[in-house]
Protein backbone atom coordinates (compact mmCIF):
# COMPACT_ATOMS: atom_id res chain seq x y z
CA MET A 1 108.68 76.74 105.47
CA ALA A 2 111.13 79.43 106.51
CA TYR A 3 114.88 79.20 105.91
CA ARG A 4 117.67 81.42 107.17
CA LEU A 5 119.94 82.31 104.25
CA ALA A 6 122.49 84.53 105.99
CA GLY A 7 122.55 87.23 108.62
CA ASP A 8 119.13 88.82 108.60
CA GLU A 9 117.98 87.29 105.31
CA PHE A 10 115.35 84.59 105.20
CA ALA A 11 113.48 82.73 102.50
CA VAL A 12 109.92 81.50 102.87
CA THR A 13 108.46 78.93 100.54
CA CYS A 14 104.74 78.61 100.17
CA PRO A 15 103.79 75.68 97.94
CA SER A 16 100.15 76.78 97.84
CA GLY A 17 101.19 80.13 96.36
CA ASP A 18 99.35 82.03 99.10
CA THR A 19 101.61 85.10 99.13
CA PRO A 20 98.95 87.24 100.89
CA PHE A 21 99.15 84.79 103.81
CA VAL A 22 102.94 85.19 103.94
CA SER A 23 102.64 89.00 103.75
CA GLU A 24 100.17 89.01 106.64
CA ALA A 25 102.44 86.76 108.71
CA ILE A 26 105.30 89.23 108.19
CA ALA A 27 103.03 92.14 109.15
CA GLN A 28 101.99 90.31 112.32
CA ALA A 29 105.63 89.67 113.25
CA ILE A 30 106.45 93.38 112.80
CA ARG A 31 103.46 94.40 114.93
CA ALA A 32 104.54 91.93 117.64
CA LEU A 33 108.07 93.36 117.66
CA THR A 34 106.70 96.89 117.95
CA MET A 35 104.40 95.89 120.82
CA GLN A 36 107.40 94.39 122.64
CA GLY A 37 109.23 97.71 122.49
CA PHE A 38 111.30 97.24 119.34
CA THR A 39 110.03 100.52 117.91
CA PHE A 40 112.83 100.83 115.37
CA GLY A 41 112.37 97.31 114.03
CA GLY A 42 111.27 96.80 110.50
CA ALA A 43 111.29 94.44 107.59
CA SER A 44 111.28 94.57 103.85
CA HIS A 45 110.39 91.63 101.68
CA GLY A 46 109.99 90.66 98.08
CA SER A 47 107.79 87.91 96.78
CA VAL A 48 107.59 86.11 93.50
CA GLN A 49 105.40 83.34 92.11
CA ARG A 50 107.14 80.29 90.67
CA ASN A 51 105.45 80.77 87.28
CA GLU A 52 107.05 84.23 86.91
CA THR A 53 110.54 82.89 86.28
CA GLU A 54 112.31 80.33 84.15
CA SER A 55 114.62 79.00 86.87
CA LEU A 56 114.98 78.71 90.62
CA GLU A 57 118.06 80.94 90.53
CA ARG A 58 116.07 83.65 88.72
CA LEU A 59 113.28 83.21 91.29
CA LYS A 60 115.68 84.18 94.06
CA GLN A 61 117.03 87.12 92.03
CA VAL A 62 113.55 88.53 91.39
CA ALA A 63 112.51 88.21 95.04
CA ASP A 64 115.77 89.82 96.13
CA GLN A 65 115.37 92.68 93.65
CA ARG A 66 111.82 93.35 94.85
CA MET A 67 112.93 93.29 98.48
CA TYR A 68 115.69 95.84 97.83
CA GLU A 69 113.28 98.07 95.90
CA GLN A 70 110.90 98.00 98.85
CA LYS A 71 113.74 98.64 101.29
CA THR A 72 114.92 101.68 99.28
CA THR A 73 111.38 103.08 99.14
CA ARG A 74 110.85 102.44 102.85
CA LYS A 75 114.06 104.26 103.77
CA SER A 76 113.39 107.21 101.46
CA ILE A 77 110.00 107.91 103.05
CA GLY A 78 111.11 107.10 106.60
CA VAL A 79 108.79 104.16 107.23
CA ARG A 80 109.86 101.67 109.89
CA SER A 81 108.37 98.61 108.25
CA SER A 82 106.75 97.71 105.01
CA VAL A 83 104.69 94.75 104.03
CA GLY A 84 102.66 94.36 100.90
């Protein structure tokens, strides 16, 4: 399930824990945007497994932290999109 949190922020829950599936879905969406002419489009994401944290609030914080780390890295090397 995908949920819009605010602006351009979304949360995806995957009860099966199949984060590679979610990463590939994001990569496909980025490729589709690029093919449609959105050459400057991009996305950063952060994923976390439920068993990595002690609370749901911490789960969100960890995912958010990972997303911002990826975003910073992506910007510093000039990459349009990053999934993985």
